[in-house]
Amino acid sequence: MNIKRLVLDVDKTTGRPTLVELAQAIEPIKGIEGFNIAVTEIDAETVGTEITVEGDDIDYKQLVDQIESVGAVVHGIDEIAGGSKLIENVQRKR
């Protein structure tokens, strides 16, 4: 599958890895053209982040392996976009 965008729910400890270390682990992954790491929640021991990566034919396994190699934990996928064209998520009106 040609993965073009992934939004991951990732937790790390308050000390390590730093956001810079996490970014350095993500940057060289095959297929990633750009990424964003946003802090979503902080408590006494952990920092919740949302990591968004975009590109062409992103290697999901390598991405998870790299994130976990620096000491963070991937809890799940919040969004995935694939195919030959990137489609933006449209919010439904209720």
C-alpha atoms as a PDB file:
ATOM      1  CA  MET A   1       0.000   0.000   0.000  1.00  0.00           C
ATOM      2  CA  ASN A   2       1.267   3.480  -0.858  1.00  0.00           C
ATOM      3  CA  ILE A   3       0.986   5.303   2.485  1.00  0.00           C
ATOM      4  CA  LYS A   4       0.982   9.086   2.010  1.00  0.00           C
ATOM      5  CA  ARG A   5       0.046  10.288   5.510  1.00  0.00           C
ATOM      6  CA  LEU A   6       0.109   8.790   8.999  1.00  0.00           C
ATOM      7  CA  VAL A   7      -1.022  10.414  12.224  1.00  0.00           C
ATOM      8  CA  LEU A   8       0.283   8.481  15.216  1.00  0.00           C
ATOM      9  CA  ASP A   9      -0.548   8.676  18.928  1.00  0.00           C
ATOM     10  CA  VAL A  10       2.857   8.453  20.633  1.00  0.00           C
ATOM     11  CA  ASP A  11       3.856   8.707  24.313  1.00  0.00           C
ATOM     12  CA  LYS A  12       7.299   9.377  25.753  1.00  0.00           C
ATOM     13  CA  THR A  13       8.665  10.011  29.210  1.00  0.00           C
ATOM     14  CA  THR A  14       9.132  13.600  30.325  1.00  0.00           C
ATOM     15  CA  GLY A  15      12.926  13.242  30.108  1.00  0.00           C
ATOM     16  CA  ARG A  16      13.825  11.103  27.119  1.00  0.00           C
ATOM     17  CA  PRO A  17      13.633  11.136  24.222  1.00  0.00           C
ATOM     18  CA  THR A  18      13.517  14.867  23.647  1.00  0.00           C
ATOM     19  CA  LEU A  19      11.368  16.121  20.784  1.00  0.00           C
ATOM     20  CA  VAL A  20      14.572  16.843  18.856  1.00  0.00           C
ATOM     21  CA  GLU A  21      15.787  13.254  19.356  1.00  0.00           C
ATOM     22  CA  LEU A  22      12.415  11.977  18.196  1.00  0.00           C
ATOM     23  CA  ALA A  23      12.587  14.211  15.109  1.00  0.00           C
ATOM     24  CA  GLN A  24      16.116  13.035  14.319  1.00  0.00           C
ATOM     25  CA  ALA A  25      14.911   9.417  14.448  1.00  0.00           C
ATOM     26  CA  ILE A  26      12.002  10.120  12.073  1.00  0.00           C
ATOM     27  CA  GLU A  27      13.700  12.335   9.482  1.00  0.00           C
ATOM     28  CA  PRO A  28      15.765   9.711   7.576  1.00  0.00           C
ATOM     29  CA  ILE A  29      12.916   7.200   7.121  1.00  0.00           C
ATOM     30  CA  LYS A  30      12.239   6.112   3.546  1.00  0.00           C
ATOM     31  CA  GLY A  31       9.333   7.941   1.953  1.00  0.00           C
ATOM     32  CA  ILE A  32       8.913  10.742   4.503  1.00  0.00           C
ATOM     33  CA  GLU A  33       8.977  14.203   2.920  1.00  0.00           C
ATOM     34  CA  GLY A  34       7.782  16.153   5.963  1.00  0.00           C
ATOM     35  CA  PHE A  35       6.630  15.626   9.534  1.00  0.00           C
ATOM     36  CA  ASN A  36       5.180  17.394  12.552  1.00  0.00           C
ATOM     37  CA  ILE A  37       5.437  16.471  16.230  1.00  0.00           C
ATOM     38  CA  ALA A  38       2.904  18.175  18.509  1.00  0.00           C
ATOM     39  CA  VAL A  39       2.603  17.800  22.277  1.00  0.00           C
ATOM     40  CA  THR A  40      -1.007  16.957  23.097  1.00  0.00           C
ATOM     41  CA  GLU A  41      -0.857  16.220  26.814  1.00  0.00           C
ATOM     42  CA  ILE A  42       1.591  16.339  29.724  1.00  0.00           C
ATOM     43  CA  ASP A  43       1.388  14.658  33.117  1.00  0.00           C
ATOM     44  CA  ALA A  44       3.921  13.965  35.856  1.00  0.00           C
ATOM     45  CA  GLU A  45       5.728  11.133  34.049  1.00  0.00           C
ATOM     46  CA  THR A  46       4.688  11.136  30.388  1.00  0.00           C
ATOM     47  CA  VAL A  47       4.243  13.440  27.419  1.00  0.00           C
ATOM     48  CA  GLY A  48       1.596  12.580  24.838  1.00  0.00           C
ATOM     49  CA  THR A  49       2.387  13.569  21.275  1.00  0.00           C
ATOM     50  CA  GLU A  50       0.761  13.412  17.886  1.00  0.00           C
ATOM     51  CA  ILE A  51       3.202  12.672  15.077  1.00  0.00           C
ATOM     52  CA  THR A  52       2.083  13.419  11.535  1.00  0.00           C
ATOM     53  CA  VAL A  53       4.224  12.282   8.609  1.00  0.00           C
ATOM     54  CA  GLU A  54       3.598  12.836   4.911  1.00  0.00           C
ATOM     55  CA  GLY A  55       5.355  11.600   1.817  1.00  0.00           C
ATOM     56  CA  ASP A  56       5.165   8.824  -0.740  1.00  0.00           C
ATOM     57  CA  ASP A  57       5.246   5.124   0.091  1.00  0.00           C
ATOM     58  CA  ILE A  58       6.084   5.690   3.779  1.00  0.00           C
ATOM     59  CA  ASP A  59       7.623   2.648   5.461  1.00  0.00           C
ATOM     60  CA  TYR A  60       5.282   2.182   8.470  1.00  0.00           C
ATOM     61  CA  LYS A  61       7.321  -0.590  10.112  1.00  0.00           C
ATOM     62  CA  GLN A  62      10.540   1.402   9.893  1.00  0.00           C
ATOM     63  CA  LEU A  63       8.740   4.462  11.302  1.00  0.00           C
ATOM     64  CA  VAL A  64       7.464   2.552  14.345  1.00  0.00           C
ATOM     65  CA  ASP A  65      10.835   0.840  14.848  1.00  0.00           C
ATOM     66  CA  GLN A  66      12.667   4.194  14.773  1.00  0.00           C
ATOM     67  CA  ILE A  67      10.226   5.848  17.211  1.00  0.00           C
ATOM     68  CA  GLU A  68      10.513   2.928  19.628  1.00  0.00           C
ATOM     69  CA  SER A  69      14.318   2.726  19.254  1.00  0.00           C
ATOM     70  CA  VAL A  70      14.678   6.121  20.952  1.00  0.00           C
ATOM     71  CA  GLY A  71      12.387   5.158  23.833  1.00  0.00           C
ATOM     72  CA  ALA A  72       8.922   6.389  22.806  1.00  0.00           C
ATOM     73  CA  VAL A  73       5.837   4.162  22.425  1.00  0.00           C
ATOM     74  CA  VAL A  74       3.360   4.136  19.529  1.00  0.00           C
ATOM     75  CA  HIS A  75      -0.152   3.668  20.958  1.00  0.00           C
ATOM     76  CA  GLY A  76      -2.037   3.675  17.686  1.00  0.00           C
ATOM     77  CA  ILE A  77      -2.833   5.171  14.319  1.00  0.00           C
ATOM     78  CA  ASP A  78      -5.244   8.116  14.442  1.00  0.00           C
ATOM     79  CA  GLU A  79      -5.299   8.647  10.663  1.00  0.00           C
ATOM     80  CA  ILE A  80      -3.934   6.956   7.553  1.00  0.00           C
ATOM     81  CA  ALA A  81      -4.119   8.167   3.963  1.00  0.00           C
ATOM     82  CA  GLY A  82      -2.954   6.152   1.011  1.00  0.00           C
ATOM     83  CA  GLY A  83      -3.288   5.604  -2.699  1.00  0.00           C
ATOM     84  CA  SER A  84      -2.091   7.685  -5.601  1.00  0.00           C
ATOM     85  CA  LYS A  85      -3.758  10.929  -4.421  1.00  0.00           C
ATOM     86  CA  LEU A  86      -3.855  12.538  -0.977  1.00  0.00           C
ATOM     87  CA  ILE A  87      -7.450  13.134   0.142  1.00  0.00           C
ATOM     88  CA  GLU A  88      -8.138  15.615   2.937  1.00  0.00           C
ATOM     89  CA  ASN A  89     -10.501  14.511   5.696  1.00  0.00           C
ATOM     90  CA  VAL A  90     -13.830  16.358   5.465  1.00  0.00           C
ATOM     91  CA  GLN A  91     -15.716  16.914   8.725  1.00  0.00           C
ATOM     92  CA  ARG A  92     -19.363  15.864   8.589  1.00  0.00           C
ATOM     93  CA  LYS A  93     -21.982  18.416   9.583  1.00  0.00           C
ATOM     94  CA  ARG A  94     -24.482  17.084  12.088  1.00  0.00           C
END
